[in-house]
Amino acid sequence: MIPFTQHNLGKLEELFADLGYRVRYEKGSFRTGACVLQHTKVIMVNKFSNLEVRIQSLIQLLREMDIDLSSLDDKKREFYKAIRKVEAEL
């Protein structure tokens, strides 16, 4: 698993931005830490969640998406593969 740091949260946000998604932190009655708004390219994250929950929620969403790796640069592609590798090991 990737370490739960502000730096890695920023890397996840950049990865989603490169994929065309906008990550927003809002308050609300969330059952989970994050969700995609009705098939739009907006991801809502509970702003009251701690850093660990935010990262885990974004990783979970990322794993559920079909990603076109050709749109990513090499560093982000490797970061994405590292996330997928951890999933395969679980």
PDB file of N, CA and C in Angstrom:
ATOM      1  N   MET A   1       0.845  -1.177   0.000  1.00  0.00           N
ATOM      2  CA  MET A   1       0.000   0.000   0.000  1.00  0.00           C
ATOM      3  C   MET A   1       0.891   1.240   0.000  1.00  0.00           C
ATOM      4  N   ILE A   2       0.424   2.260  -0.659  1.00  0.00           N
ATOM      5  CA  ILE A   2       1.192   3.501  -0.662  1.00  0.00           C
ATOM      6  C   ILE A   2       1.033   4.167   0.705  1.00  0.00           C
ATOM      7  N   PRO A   3       2.050   4.883   1.154  1.00  0.00           N
ATOM      8  CA  PRO A   3       1.947   5.577   2.444  1.00  0.00           C
ATOM      9  C   PRO A   3       0.857   6.653   2.408  1.00  0.00           C
ATOM     10  N   PHE A   4       0.193   6.847   3.524  1.00  0.00           N
ATOM     11  CA  PHE A   4      -0.875   7.844   3.623  1.00  0.00           C
ATOM     12  C   PHE A   4      -0.266   9.197   3.969  1.00  0.00           C
ATOM     13  N   THR A   5       0.205   9.894   2.924  1.00  0.00           N
ATOM     14  CA  THR A   5       0.823  11.202   3.105  1.00  0.00           C
ATOM     15  C   THR A   5       0.104  12.234   2.241  1.00  0.00           C
ATOM     16  N   GLN A   6       0.276  13.484   2.595  1.00  0.00           N
ATOM     17  CA  GLN A   6      -0.307  14.565   1.802  1.00  0.00           C
ATOM     18  C   GLN A   6       0.263  14.552   0.382  1.00  0.00           C
ATOM     19  N   HIS A   7       1.531  14.188   0.259  1.00  0.00           N
ATOM     20  CA  HIS A   7       2.168  14.114  -1.053  1.00  0.00           C
ATOM     21  C   HIS A   7       1.460  13.093  -1.947  1.00  0.00           C
ATOM     22  N   ASN A   8       1.176  11.908  -1.408  1.00  0.00           N
ATOM     23  CA  ASN A   8       0.503  10.886  -2.207  1.00  0.00           C
ATOM     24  C   ASN A   8      -0.938  11.263  -2.524  1.00  0.00           C
ATOM     25  N   LEU A   9      -1.598  11.974  -1.623  1.00  0.00           N
ATOM     26  CA  LEU A   9      -2.930  12.482  -1.932  1.00  0.00           C
ATOM     27  C   LEU A   9      -2.852  13.446  -3.113  1.00  0.00           C
ATOM     28  N   GLY A  10      -1.849  14.300  -3.117  1.00  0.00           N
ATOM     29  CA  GLY A  10      -1.648  15.215  -4.245  1.00  0.00           C
ATOM     30  C   GLY A  10      -1.379  14.475  -5.541  1.00  0.00           C
ATOM     31  N   LYS A  11      -0.603  13.391  -5.465  1.00  0.00           N
ATOM     32  CA  LYS A  11      -0.332  12.596  -6.668  1.00  0.00           C
ATOM     33  C   LYS A  11      -1.614  11.955  -7.195  1.00  0.00           C
ATOM     34  N   LEU A  12      -2.467  11.490  -6.302  1.00  0.00           N
ATOM     35  CA  LEU A  12      -3.750  10.922  -6.728  1.00  0.00           C
ATOM     36  C   LEU A  12      -4.633  11.989  -7.381  1.00  0.00           C
ATOM     37  N   GLU A  13      -4.666  13.183  -6.780  1.00  0.00           N
ATOM     38  CA  GLU A  13      -5.452  14.275  -7.352  1.00  0.00           C
ATOM     39  C   GLU A  13      -4.948  14.637  -8.743  1.00  0.00           C
ATOM     40  N   GLU A  14      -3.625  14.682  -8.929  1.00  0.00           N
ATOM     41  CA  GLU A  14      -3.042  14.976 -10.242  1.00  0.00           C
ATOM     42  C   GLU A  14      -3.377  13.879 -11.248  1.00  0.00           C
ATOM     43  N   LEU A  15      -3.349  12.633 -10.803  1.00  0.00           N
ATOM     44  CA  LEU A  15      -3.679  11.518 -11.679  1.00  0.00           C
ATOM     45  C   LEU A  15      -5.121  11.631 -12.163  1.00  0.00           C
ATOM     46  N   PHE A  16      -6.041  11.935 -11.250  1.00  0.00           N
ATOM     47  CA  PHE A  16      -7.433  12.122 -11.651  1.00  0.00           C
ATOM     48  C   PHE A  16      -7.583  13.315 -12.585  1.00  0.00           C
ATOM     49  N   ALA A  17      -6.848  14.384 -12.338  1.00  0.00           N
ATOM     50  CA  ALA A  17      -6.912  15.560 -13.215  1.00  0.00           C
ATOM     51  C   ALA A  17      -6.450  15.199 -14.625  1.00  0.00           C
ATOM     52  N   ASP A  18      -5.380  14.420 -14.731  1.00  0.00           N
ATOM     53  CA  ASP A  18      -4.896  13.999 -16.046  1.00  0.00           C
ATOM     54  C   ASP A  18      -5.897  13.098 -16.757  1.00  0.00           C
ATOM     55  N   LEU A  19      -6.714  12.411 -15.990  1.00  0.00           N
ATOM     56  CA  LEU A  19      -7.746  11.543 -16.567  1.00  0.00           C
ATOM     57  C   LEU A  19      -9.029  12.309 -16.881  1.00  0.00           C
ATOM     58  N   GLY A  20      -9.033  13.617 -16.571  1.00  0.00           N
ATOM     59  CA  GLY A  20     -10.176  14.465 -16.891  1.00  0.00           C
ATOM     60  C   GLY A  20     -11.180  14.611 -15.763  1.00  0.00           C
ATOM     61  N   TYR A  21     -10.843  14.159 -14.571  1.00  0.00           N
ATOM     62  CA  TYR A  21     -11.743  14.263 -13.427  1.00  0.00           C
ATOM     63  C   TYR A  21     -11.362  15.441 -12.541  1.00  0.00           C
ATOM     64  N   ARG A  22     -12.362  16.007 -11.898  1.00  0.00           N
ATOM     65  CA  ARG A  22     -12.139  17.076 -10.941  1.00  0.00           C
ATOM     66  C   ARG A  22     -12.464  16.546  -9.551  1.00  0.00           C
ATOM     67  N   VAL A  23     -11.544  16.665  -8.621  1.00  0.00           N
ATOM     68  CA  VAL A  23     -11.747  16.199  -7.257  1.00  0.00           C
ATOM     69  C   VAL A  23     -12.150  17.389  -6.400  1.00  0.00           C
ATOM     70  N   ARG A  24     -13.299  17.256  -5.734  1.00  0.00           N
ATOM     71  CA  ARG A  24     -13.793  18.324  -4.861  1.00  0.00           C
ATOM     72  C   ARG A  24     -13.981  17.773  -3.453  1.00  0.00           C
ATOM     73  N   TYR A  25     -13.693  18.603  -2.469  1.00  0.00           N
ATOM     74  CA  TYR A  25     -13.876  18.245  -1.068  1.00  0.00           C
ATOM     75  C   TYR A  25     -15.052  19.042  -0.536  1.00  0.00           C
ATOM     76  N   GLU A  26     -16.114  18.327  -0.198  1.00  0.00           N
ATOM     77  CA  GLU A  26     -17.351  18.971   0.245  1.00  0.00           C
ATOM     78  C   GLU A  26     -17.893  18.264   1.477  1.00  0.00           C
ATOM     79  N   LYS A  27     -18.737  18.965   2.207  1.00  0.00           N
ATOM     80  CA  LYS A  27     -19.410  18.320   3.332  1.00  0.00           C
ATOM     81  C   LYS A  27     -20.720  17.732   2.829  1.00  0.00           C
ATOM     82  N   GLY A  28     -21.192  16.740   3.539  1.00  0.00           N
ATOM     83  CA  GLY A  28     -22.441  16.096   3.155  1.00  0.00           C
ATOM     84  C   GLY A  28     -22.605  14.800   3.915  1.00  0.00           C
ATOM     85  N   SER A  29     -23.691  14.131   3.663  1.00  0.00           N
ATOM     86  CA  SER A  29     -23.946  12.855   4.341  1.00  0.00           C
ATOM     87  C   SER A  29     -23.469  11.724   3.436  1.00  0.00           C
ATOM     88  N   PHE A  30     -22.175  11.483   3.452  1.00  0.00           N
ATOM     89  CA  PHE A  30     -21.560  10.448   2.637  1.00  0.00           C
ATOM     90  C   PHE A  30     -21.589   9.126   3.379  1.00  0.00           C
ATOM     91  N   ARG A  31     -21.906   8.064   2.683  1.00  0.00           N
ATOM     92  CA  ARG A  31     -21.788   6.736   3.268  1.00  0.00           C
ATOM     93  C   ARG A  31     -20.358   6.220   3.093  1.00  0.00           C
ATOM     94  N   THR A  32     -19.697   6.706   2.074  1.00  0.00           N
ATOM     95  CA  THR A  32     -18.296   6.348   1.836  1.00  0.00           C
ATOM     96  C   THR A  32     -17.474   7.618   1.849  1.00  0.00           C
ATOM     97  N   GLY A  33     -16.184   7.480   1.628  1.00  0.00           N
ATOM     98  CA  GLY A  33     -15.319   8.641   1.635  1.00  0.00           C
ATOM     99  C   GLY A  33     -15.373   9.471   0.376  1.00  0.00           C
ATOM    100  N   ALA A  34     -15.790   8.838  -0.763  1.00  0.00           N
ATOM    101  CA  ALA A  34     -15.800   9.560  -2.037  1.00  0.00           C
ATOM    102  C   ALA A  34     -16.773   8.891  -2.993  1.00  0.00           C
ATOM    103  N   CYS A  35     -17.203   9.642  -4.000  1.00  0.00           N
ATOM    104  CA  CYS A  35     -18.075   9.085  -5.031  1.00  0.00           C
ATOM    105  C   CYS A  35     -17.942   9.911  -6.305  1.00  0.00           C
ATOM    106  N   VAL A  36     -18.328   9.311  -7.436  1.00  0.00           N
ATOM    107  CA  VAL A  36     -18.388  10.023  -8.711  1.00  0.00           C
ATOM    108  C   VAL A  36     -19.827  10.484  -8.877  1.00  0.00           C
ATOM    109  N   LEU A  37     -20.024  11.748  -9.192  1.00  0.00           N
ATOM    110  CA  LEU A  37     -21.380  12.289  -9.309  1.00  0.00           C
ATOM    111  C   LEU A  37     -22.044  11.856 -10.597  1.00  0.00           C
ATOM    112  N   GLN A  38     -22.980  10.966 -10.502  1.00  0.00           N
ATOM    113  CA  GLN A  38     -23.847  10.520 -11.591  1.00  0.00           C
ATOM    114  C   GLN A  38     -23.178  10.527 -12.959  1.00  0.00           C
ATOM    115  N   HIS A  39     -22.144   9.772 -13.099  1.00  0.00           N
ATOM    116  CA  HIS A  39     -21.439   9.575 -14.368  1.00  0.00           C
ATOM    117  C   HIS A  39     -20.856  10.857 -14.957  1.00  0.00           C
ATOM    118  N   THR A  40     -20.612  11.841 -14.096  1.00  0.00           N
ATOM    119  CA  THR A  40     -19.910  13.039 -14.552  1.00  0.00           C
ATOM    120  C   THR A  40     -18.435  12.841 -14.233  1.00  0.00           C
ATOM    121  N   LYS A  41     -17.639  13.802 -14.540  1.00  0.00           N
ATOM    122  CA  LYS A  41     -16.212  13.705 -14.251  1.00  0.00           C
ATOM    123  C   LYS A  41     -15.867  14.535 -13.017  1.00  0.00           C
ATOM    124  N   VAL A  42     -16.753  14.482 -12.029  1.00  0.00           N
ATOM    125  CA  VAL A  42     -16.540  15.165 -10.751  1.00  0.00           C
ATOM    126  C   VAL A  42     -16.555  14.112  -9.652  1.00  0.00           C
ATOM    127  N   ILE A  43     -15.522  14.126  -8.838  1.00  0.00           N
ATOM    128  CA  ILE A  43     -15.420  13.208  -7.705  1.00  0.00           C
ATOM    129  C   ILE A  43     -15.583  14.020  -6.435  1.00  0.00           C
ATOM    130  N   MET A  44     -16.548  13.617  -5.622  1.00  0.00           N
ATOM    131  CA  MET A  44     -16.805  14.292  -4.355  1.00  0.00           C
ATOM    132  C   MET A  44     -16.165  13.481  -3.235  1.00  0.00           C
ATOM    133  N   VAL A  45     -15.377  14.148  -2.419  1.00  0.00           N
ATOM    134  CA  VAL A  45     -14.729  13.523  -1.274  1.00  0.00           C
ATOM    135  C   VAL A  45     -15.234  14.230  -0.025  1.00  0.00           C
ATOM    136  N   ASN A  46     -15.563  13.447   1.000  1.00  0.00           N
ATOM    137  CA  ASN A  46     -16.036  14.011   2.255  1.00  0.00           C
ATOM    138  C   ASN A  46     -14.909  14.831   2.879  1.00  0.00           C
ATOM    139  N   LYS A  47     -15.133  16.112   3.043  1.00  0.00           N
ATOM    140  CA  LYS A  47     -14.070  16.985   3.545  1.00  0.00           C
ATOM    141  C   LYS A  47     -13.761  16.745   5.015  1.00  0.00           C
ATOM    142  N   PHE A  48     -14.627  16.032   5.717  1.00  0.00           N
ATOM    143  CA  PHE A  48     -14.380  15.733   7.120  1.00  0.00           C
ATOM    144  C   PHE A  48     -13.629  14.417   7.316  1.00  0.00           C
ATOM    145  N   SER A  49     -13.360  13.700   6.227  1.00  0.00           N
ATOM    146  CA  SER A  49     -12.597  12.452   6.320  1.00  0.00           C
ATOM    147  C   SER A  49     -11.139  12.771   6.602  1.00  0.00           C
ATOM    148  N   ASN A  50     -10.484  11.854   7.318  1.00  0.00           N
ATOM    149  CA  ASN A  50      -9.062  12.054   7.568  1.00  0.00           C
ATOM    150  C   ASN A  50      -8.262  11.669   6.319  1.00  0.00           C
ATOM    151  N   LEU A  51      -6.978  11.913   6.353  1.00  0.00           N
ATOM    152  CA  LEU A  51      -6.101  11.702   5.201  1.00  0.00           C
ATOM    153  C   LEU A  51      -6.143  10.251   4.723  1.00  0.00           C
ATOM    154  N   GLU A  52      -6.109   9.307   5.646  1.00  0.00           N
ATOM    155  CA  GLU A  52      -6.115   7.890   5.274  1.00  0.00           C
ATOM    156  C   GLU A  52      -7.391   7.511   4.524  1.00  0.00           C
ATOM    157  N   VAL A  53      -8.531   7.950   5.006  1.00  0.00           N
ATOM    158  CA  VAL A  53      -9.807   7.635   4.356  1.00  0.00           C
ATOM    159  C   VAL A  53      -9.887   8.294   2.989  1.00  0.00           C
ATOM    160  N   ARG A  54      -9.393   9.511   2.870  1.00  0.00           N
ATOM    161  CA  ARG A  54      -9.402  10.192   1.563  1.00  0.00           C
ATOM    162  C   ARG A  54      -8.593   9.407   0.534  1.00  0.00           C
ATOM    163  N   ILE A  55      -7.389   8.996   0.920  1.00  0.00           N
ATOM    164  CA  ILE A  55      -6.527   8.259  -0.008  1.00  0.00           C
ATOM    165  C   ILE A  55      -7.143   6.910  -0.344  1.00  0.00           C
ATOM    166  N   GLN A  56      -7.617   6.185   0.656  1.00  0.00           N
ATOM    167  CA  GLN A  56      -8.225   4.881   0.395  1.00  0.00           C
ATOM    168  C   GLN A  56      -9.449   5.004  -0.501  1.00  0.00           C
ATOM    169  N   SER A  57     -10.257   6.027  -0.301  1.00  0.00           N
ATOM    170  CA  SER A  57     -11.455   6.227  -1.111  1.00  0.00           C
ATOM    171  C   SER A  57     -11.101   6.521  -2.561  1.00  0.00           C
ATOM    172  N   LEU A  58     -10.115   7.380  -2.778  1.00  0.00           N
ATOM    173  CA  LEU A  58      -9.704   7.704  -4.146  1.00  0.00           C
ATOM    174  C   LEU A  58      -9.083   6.497  -4.833  1.00  0.00           C
ATOM    175  N   ILE A  59      -8.308   5.716  -4.102  1.00  0.00           N
ATOM    176  CA  ILE A  59      -7.719   4.504  -4.683  1.00  0.00           C
ATOM    177  C   ILE A  59      -8.814   3.518  -5.067  1.00  0.00           C
ATOM    178  N   GLN A  60      -9.811   3.364  -4.213  1.00  0.00           N
ATOM    179  CA  GLN A  60     -10.913   2.450  -4.514  1.00  0.00           C
ATOM    180  C   GLN A  60     -11.644   2.879  -5.783  1.00  0.00           C
ATOM    181  N   LEU A  61     -11.917   4.169  -5.920  1.00  0.00           N
ATOM    182  CA  LEU A  61     -12.560   4.668  -7.140  1.00  0.00           C
ATOM    183  C   LEU A  61     -11.677   4.418  -8.361  1.00  0.00           C
ATOM    184  N   LEU A  62     -10.398   4.656  -8.205  1.00  0.00           N
ATOM    185  CA  LEU A  62      -9.460   4.465  -9.309  1.00  0.00           C
ATOM    186  C   LEU A  62      -9.444   3.013  -9.765  1.00  0.00           C
ATOM    187  N   ARG A  63      -9.500   2.092  -8.834  1.00  0.00           N
ATOM    188  CA  ARG A  63      -9.492   0.667  -9.165  1.00  0.00           C
ATOM    189  C   ARG A  63     -10.757   0.240  -9.899  1.00  0.00           C
ATOM    190  N   GLU A  64     -11.862   0.915  -9.655  1.00  0.00           N
ATOM    191  CA  GLU A  64     -13.130   0.561 -10.279  1.00  0.00           C
ATOM    192  C   GLU A  64     -13.294   1.154 -11.681  1.00  0.00           C
ATOM    193  N   MET A  65     -12.436   2.081 -12.051  1.00  0.00           N
ATOM    194  CA  MET A  65     -12.548   2.766 -13.340  1.00  0.00           C
ATOM    195  C   MET A  65     -11.759   2.049 -14.427  1.00  0.00           C
ATOM    196  N   ASP A  66     -12.230   2.217 -15.652  1.00  0.00           N
ATOM    197  CA  ASP A  66     -11.459   1.779 -16.814  1.00  0.00           C
ATOM    198  C   ASP A  66     -10.554   2.930 -17.215  1.00  0.00           C
ATOM    199  N   ILE A  67      -9.258   2.702 -17.153  1.00  0.00           N
ATOM    200  CA  ILE A  67      -8.283   3.766 -17.370  1.00  0.00           C
ATOM    201  C   ILE A  67      -7.563   3.560 -18.694  1.00  0.00           C
ATOM    202  N   ASP A  68      -7.444   4.646 -19.468  1.00  0.00           N
ATOM    203  CA  ASP A  68      -6.654   4.630 -20.688  1.00  0.00           C
ATOM    204  C   ASP A  68      -5.247   5.112 -20.326  1.00  0.00           C
ATOM    205  N   LEU A  69      -4.329   4.159 -20.204  1.00  0.00           N
ATOM    206  CA  LEU A  69      -2.965   4.498 -19.765  1.00  0.00           C
ATOM    207  C   LEU A  69      -2.210   5.343 -20.785  1.00  0.00           C
ATOM    208  N   SER A  70      -2.642   5.337 -22.028  1.00  0.00           N
ATOM    209  CA  SER A  70      -1.925   6.106 -23.047  1.00  0.00           C
ATOM    210  C   SER A  70      -2.041   7.615 -22.812  1.00  0.00           C
ATOM    211  N   SER A  71      -3.027   8.032 -22.033  1.00  0.00           N
ATOM    212  CA  SER A  71      -3.195   9.464 -21.769  1.00  0.00           C
ATOM    213  C   SER A  71      -2.322   9.954 -20.615  1.00  0.00           C
ATOM    214  N   LEU A  72      -1.598   9.031 -19.969  1.00  0.00           N
ATOM    215  CA  LEU A  72      -0.777   9.403 -18.812  1.00  0.00           C
ATOM    216  C   LEU A  72       0.698   9.464 -19.179  1.00  0.00           C
ATOM    217  N   ASP A  73       1.434  10.340 -18.485  1.00  0.00           N
ATOM    218  CA  ASP A  73       2.883  10.356 -18.673  1.00  0.00           C
ATOM    219  C   ASP A  73       3.489   9.170 -17.920  1.00  0.00           C
ATOM    220  N   ASP A  74       4.783   8.950 -18.092  1.00  0.00           N
ATOM    221  CA  ASP A  74       5.438   7.758 -17.529  1.00  0.00           C
ATOM    222  C   ASP A  74       5.350   7.694 -16.008  1.00  0.00           C
ATOM    223  N   LYS A  75       5.557   8.822 -15.322  1.00  0.00           N
ATOM    224  CA  LYS A  75       5.530   8.821 -13.858  1.00  0.00           C
ATOM    225  C   LYS A  75       4.150   8.458 -13.329  1.00  0.00           C
ATOM    226  N   LYS A  76       3.117   9.030 -13.927  1.00  0.00           N
ATOM    227  CA  LYS A  76       1.761   8.738 -13.463  1.00  0.00           C
ATOM    228  C   LYS A  76       1.348   7.315 -13.837  1.00  0.00           C
ATOM    229  N   ARG A  77       1.826   6.838 -14.957  1.00  0.00           N
ATOM    230  CA  ARG A  77       1.548   5.456 -15.355  1.00  0.00           C
ATOM    231  C   ARG A  77       2.164   4.484 -14.347  1.00  0.00           C
ATOM    232  N   GLU A  78       3.388   4.753 -13.919  1.00  0.00           N
ATOM    233  CA  GLU A  78       4.045   3.902 -12.921  1.00  0.00           C
ATOM    234  C   GLU A  78       3.336   3.983 -11.573  1.00  0.00           C
ATOM    235  N   PHE A  79       2.882   5.158 -11.188  1.00  0.00           N
ATOM    236  CA  PHE A  79       2.131   5.322  -9.945  1.00  0.00           C
ATOM    237  C   PHE A  79       0.830   4.510 -10.002  1.00  0.00           C
ATOM    238  N   TYR A  80       0.135   4.584 -11.125  1.00  0.00           N
ATOM    239  CA  TYR A  80      -1.095   3.811 -11.305  1.00  0.00           C
ATOM    240  C   TYR A  80      -0.809   2.314 -11.233  1.00  0.00           C
ATOM    241  N   LYS A  81       0.255   1.871 -11.874  1.00  0.00           N
ATOM    242  CA  LYS A  81       0.609   0.451 -11.845  1.00  0.00           C
ATOM    243  C   LYS A  81       0.968   0.002 -10.435  1.00  0.00           C
ATOM    244  N   ALA A  82       1.603   0.874  -9.652  1.00  0.00           N
ATOM    245  CA  ALA A  82       1.936   0.532  -8.269  1.00  0.00           C
ATOM    246  C   ALA A  82       0.660   0.342  -7.454  1.00  0.00           C
ATOM    247  N   ILE A  83      -0.342   1.167  -7.703  1.00  0.00           N
ATOM    248  CA  ILE A  83      -1.614   1.018  -7.004  1.00  0.00           C
ATOM    249  C   ILE A  83      -2.277  -0.297  -7.396  1.00  0.00           C
ATOM    250  N   ARG A  84      -2.270  -0.617  -8.687  1.00  0.00           N
ATOM    251  CA  ARG A  84      -2.879  -1.864  -9.158  1.00  0.00           C
ATOM    252  C   ARG A  84      -2.115  -3.088  -8.644  1.00  0.00           C
ATOM    253  N   LYS A  85      -0.804  -2.966  -8.518  1.00  0.00           N
ATOM    254  CA  LYS A  85       0.011  -4.083  -8.043  1.00  0.00           C
ATOM    255  C   LYS A  85      -0.350  -4.431  -6.604  1.00  0.00           C
ATOM    256  N   VAL A  86      -0.557  -3.421  -5.780  1.00  0.00           N
ATOM    257  CA  VAL A  86      -0.941  -3.663  -4.386  1.00  0.00           C
ATOM    258  C   VAL A  86      -2.271  -4.396  -4.333  1.00  0.00           C
ATOM    259  N   GLU A  87      -3.195  -4.019  -5.217  1.00  0.00           N
ATOM    260  CA  GLU A  87      -4.499  -4.665  -5.268  1.00  0.00           C
ATOM    261  C   GLU A  87      -4.347  -6.143  -5.624  1.00  0.00           C
ATOM    262  N   ALA A  88      -3.470  -6.449  -6.560  1.00  0.00           N
ATOM    263  CA  ALA A  88      -3.269  -7.836  -6.982  1.00  0.00           C
ATOM    264  C   ALA A  88      -2.667  -8.670  -5.863  1.00  0.00           C
ATOM    265  N   GLU A  89      -1.853  -8.055  -5.007  1.00  0.00           N
ATOM    266  CA  GLU A  89      -1.233  -8.777  -3.908  1.00  0.00           C
ATOM    267  C   GLU A  89      -2.186  -9.063  -2.769  1.00  0.00           C
ATOM    268  N   LEU A  90      -3.272  -8.287  -2.676  1.00  0.00           N
ATOM    269  CA  LEU A  90      -4.234  -8.475  -1.576  1.00  0.00           C
ATOM    270  C   LEU A  90      -5.065  -9.686  -1.749  1.00  0.00           C
TER     271      LEU A  90
END
